[in-house]
Amino acid sequence: MPYVNIKITREGATAEQKKALIKGVTDLLQTVLNKAPASTFVVIDEVALEDWGVGGLPVDEYRRKAGEKS
């Protein structure tokens, strides 16, 4: 029984977007692993930006610096 945990940041993902994520992952599991949709579990965790980082920087600082370069 496949279990997939998706982590997204709390930046306003709508219910429709979350539904699309679940459908996409379920379709992928069905295609790649030949699993019936009813046998798959997809969990979406919303995490705060300050809980993770990219390239050694908190993600909000990383995005700010990336915006300065554009």
N, C-alpha and C. Protein backbone atom coordinates (compact mmCIF):
# COMPACT_ATOMS: atom_id res chain seq x y z
N MET A 1 0.84 -1.17 0.00
CA MET A 1 0.00 0.00 0.00
C MET A 1 0.89 1.24 0.00
N PRO A 2 1.00 1.97 -1.12
CA PRO A 2 1.85 3.15 -1.20
C PRO A 2 1.35 4.29 -0.32
N TYR A 3 2.29 4.97 0.28
CA TYR A 3 2.01 6.14 1.12
C TYR A 3 2.96 7.24 0.66
N VAL A 4 2.42 8.38 0.28
CA VAL A 4 3.22 9.50 -0.19
C VAL A 4 2.91 10.70 0.70
N ASN A 5 3.96 11.37 1.17
CA ASN A 5 3.80 12.56 1.99
C ASN A 5 4.35 13.75 1.21
N ILE A 6 3.47 14.69 0.87
CA ILE A 6 3.85 15.89 0.15
C ILE A 6 3.94 17.02 1.15
N LYS A 7 5.01 17.77 1.11
CA LYS A 7 5.15 18.93 1.98
C LYS A 7 5.09 20.19 1.11
N ILE A 8 4.19 21.08 1.46
CA ILE A 8 4.08 22.36 0.76
C ILE A 8 4.17 23.47 1.79
N THR A 9 4.60 24.64 1.34
CA THR A 9 4.69 25.76 2.27
C THR A 9 3.34 26.43 2.41
N ARG A 10 3.15 27.09 3.52
CA ARG A 10 1.89 27.79 3.80
C ARG A 10 1.86 29.10 3.03
N GLU A 11 1.63 29.00 1.75
CA GLU A 11 1.59 30.20 0.91
C GLU A 11 0.28 30.28 0.14
N GLY A 12 -0.74 29.70 0.71
CA GLY A 12 -2.06 29.87 0.12
C GLY A 12 -2.44 28.86 -0.95
N ALA A 13 -2.02 27.61 -0.82
CA ALA A 13 -2.47 26.57 -1.75
C ALA A 13 -3.97 26.38 -1.56
N THR A 14 -4.69 26.42 -2.65
CA THR A 14 -6.14 26.28 -2.57
C THR A 14 -6.53 24.81 -2.44
N ALA A 15 -7.77 24.58 -2.07
CA ALA A 15 -8.28 23.21 -1.98
C ALA A 15 -8.22 22.53 -3.34
N GLU A 16 -8.47 23.28 -4.42
CA GLU A 16 -8.41 22.73 -5.77
C GLU A 16 -6.98 22.31 -6.12
N GLN A 17 -6.00 23.12 -5.72
CA GLN A 17 -4.60 22.78 -5.99
C GLN A 17 -4.19 21.52 -5.22
N LYS A 18 -4.63 21.43 -3.98
CA LYS A 18 -4.32 20.23 -3.18
C LYS A 18 -4.97 19.00 -3.79
N LYS A 19 -6.20 19.15 -4.26
CA LYS A 19 -6.90 18.05 -4.91
C LYS A 19 -6.14 17.60 -6.16
N ALA A 20 -5.61 18.56 -6.93
CA ALA A 20 -4.85 18.24 -8.14
C ALA A 20 -3.56 17.50 -7.79
N LEU A 21 -2.90 17.90 -6.69
CA LEU A 21 -1.70 17.19 -6.24
C LEU A 21 -2.02 15.74 -5.90
N ILE A 22 -3.09 15.54 -5.16
CA ILE A 22 -3.49 14.19 -4.76
C ILE A 22 -3.81 13.35 -6.00
N LYS A 23 -4.56 13.93 -6.94
CA LYS A 23 -4.91 13.20 -8.16
C LYS A 23 -3.65 12.86 -8.96
N GLY A 24 -2.74 13.81 -9.09
CA GLY A 24 -1.52 13.57 -9.85
C GLY A 24 -0.67 12.46 -9.26
N VAL A 25 -0.50 12.49 -7.94
CA VAL A 25 0.30 11.45 -7.28
C VAL A 25 -0.40 10.09 -7.40
N THR A 26 -1.70 10.07 -7.23
CA THR A 26 -2.45 8.82 -7.34
C THR A 26 -2.33 8.26 -8.76
N ASP A 27 -2.45 9.11 -9.77
CA ASP A 27 -2.29 8.66 -11.15
C ASP A 27 -0.88 8.13 -11.39
N LEU A 28 0.12 8.79 -10.85
CA LEU A 28 1.51 8.34 -11.00
C LEU A 28 1.71 6.96 -10.37
N LEU A 29 1.19 6.78 -9.16
CA LEU A 29 1.32 5.48 -8.50
C LEU A 29 0.59 4.38 -9.27
N GLN A 30 -0.54 4.74 -9.84
CA GLN A 30 -1.29 3.77 -10.63
C GLN A 30 -0.51 3.38 -11.88
N THR A 31 0.10 4.36 -12.55
CA THR A 31 0.85 4.10 -13.78
C THR A 31 2.17 3.38 -13.51
N VAL A 32 2.94 3.86 -12.55
CA VAL A 32 4.27 3.32 -12.31
C VAL A 32 4.25 2.02 -11.51
N LEU A 33 3.43 1.98 -10.47
CA LEU A 33 3.41 0.81 -9.58
C LEU A 33 2.23 -0.13 -9.82
N ASN A 34 1.37 0.23 -10.76
CA ASN A 34 0.17 -0.57 -11.05
C ASN A 34 -0.70 -0.77 -9.80
N LYS A 35 -0.85 0.29 -9.01
CA LYS A 35 -1.65 0.23 -7.80
C LYS A 35 -3.03 0.82 -8.05
N ALA A 36 -4.04 0.19 -7.50
CA ALA A 36 -5.40 0.72 -7.59
C ALA A 36 -5.49 2.01 -6.79
N PRO A 37 -6.20 3.01 -7.30
CA PRO A 37 -6.30 4.29 -6.58
C PRO A 37 -6.77 4.14 -5.13
N ALA A 38 -7.67 3.19 -4.89
CA ALA A 38 -8.19 3.02 -3.53
C ALA A 38 -7.15 2.48 -2.56
N SER A 39 -6.02 1.99 -3.08
CA SER A 39 -5.00 1.43 -2.19
C SER A 39 -3.87 2.41 -1.90
N THR A 40 -4.00 3.65 -2.36
CA THR A 40 -2.93 4.63 -2.16
C THR A 40 -3.32 5.67 -1.12
N PHE A 41 -2.32 6.15 -0.38
CA PHE A 41 -2.52 7.21 0.60
C PHE A 41 -1.63 8.39 0.23
N VAL A 42 -2.22 9.56 0.14
CA VAL A 42 -1.46 10.78 -0.13
C VAL A 42 -1.77 11.76 0.99
N VAL A 43 -0.72 12.21 1.67
CA VAL A 43 -0.87 13.15 2.77
C VAL A 43 -0.17 14.46 2.39
N ILE A 44 -0.83 15.57 2.61
CA ILE A 44 -0.24 16.88 2.34
C ILE A 44 -0.02 17.58 3.67
N ASP A 45 1.23 17.88 3.95
CA ASP A 45 1.58 18.64 5.15
C ASP A 45 1.94 20.06 4.74
N GLU A 46 1.33 21.03 5.40
CA GLU A 46 1.70 22.42 5.16
C GLU A 46 2.73 22.81 6.21
N VAL A 47 3.88 23.30 5.75
CA VAL A 47 4.96 23.67 6.66
C VAL A 47 5.23 25.17 6.57
N ALA A 48 5.67 25.72 7.67
CA ALA A 48 6.01 27.15 7.71
C ALA A 48 7.33 27.37 6.99
N LEU A 49 7.48 28.51 6.35
CA LEU A 49 8.70 28.83 5.63
C LEU A 49 9.93 28.82 6.52
N GLU A 50 9.78 29.24 7.75
CA GLU A 50 10.95 29.32 8.63
C GLU A 50 11.43 27.95 9.10
N ASP A 51 10.72 26.88 8.73
CA ASP A 51 11.10 25.54 9.15
C ASP A 51 12.05 24.84 8.17
N TRP A 52 12.40 25.47 7.08
CA TRP A 52 13.28 24.82 6.12
C TRP A 52 14.08 25.85 5.35
N GLY A 53 15.06 25.38 4.59
CA GLY A 53 15.93 26.29 3.88
C GLY A 53 16.46 25.70 2.59
N VAL A 54 17.15 26.55 1.83
CA VAL A 54 17.75 26.17 0.56
C VAL A 54 19.16 26.74 0.54
N GLY A 55 20.13 25.92 0.22
CA GLY A 55 21.51 26.40 0.09
C GLY A 55 22.06 27.05 1.35
N GLY A 56 21.66 26.57 2.50
CA GLY A 56 22.18 27.11 3.76
C GLY A 56 21.48 28.36 4.25
N LEU A 57 20.46 28.82 3.55
CA LEU A 57 19.71 30.01 3.97
C LEU A 57 18.26 29.65 4.24
N PRO A 58 17.63 30.35 5.19
CA PRO A 58 16.18 30.16 5.33
C PRO A 58 15.51 30.51 4.00
N VAL A 59 14.46 29.81 3.64
CA VAL A 59 13.88 29.94 2.31
C VAL A 59 13.42 31.37 2.00
N ASP A 60 12.89 32.10 2.98
CA ASP A 60 12.46 33.46 2.68
C ASP A 60 13.65 34.35 2.34
N GLU A 61 14.80 34.15 3.00
CA GLU A 61 16.02 34.92 2.68
C GLU A 61 16.56 34.50 1.31
N TYR A 62 16.53 33.21 1.02
CA TYR A 62 16.98 32.71 -0.28
C TYR A 62 16.15 33.34 -1.41
N ARG A 63 14.84 33.38 -1.24
CA ARG A 63 13.97 33.98 -2.26
C ARG A 63 14.23 35.47 -2.41
N ARG A 64 14.48 36.15 -1.30
CA ARG A 64 14.76 37.58 -1.35
C ARG A 64 16.04 37.81 -2.16
N LYS A 65 17.09 37.03 -1.89
CA LYS A 65 18.35 37.18 -2.61
C LYS A 65 18.19 36.82 -4.08
N ALA A 66 17.41 35.79 -4.37
CA ALA A 66 17.17 35.40 -5.76
C ALA A 66 16.44 36.51 -6.50
N GLY A 67 15.51 37.20 -5.82
CA GLY A 67 14.78 38.30 -6.43
C GLY A 67 15.67 39.49 -6.72
N GLU A 68 16.69 39.69 -5.89
CA GLU A 68 17.63 40.80 -6.11
C GLU A 68 18.47 40.56 -7.36
N LYS A 69 18.74 39.28 -7.68
CA LYS A 69 19.58 38.95 -8.82
C LYS A 69 18.84 39.13 -10.14
N SER A 70 17.49 39.08 -10.13
CA SER A 70 16.74 39.17 -11.39
C SER A 70 16.68 40.56 -11.92
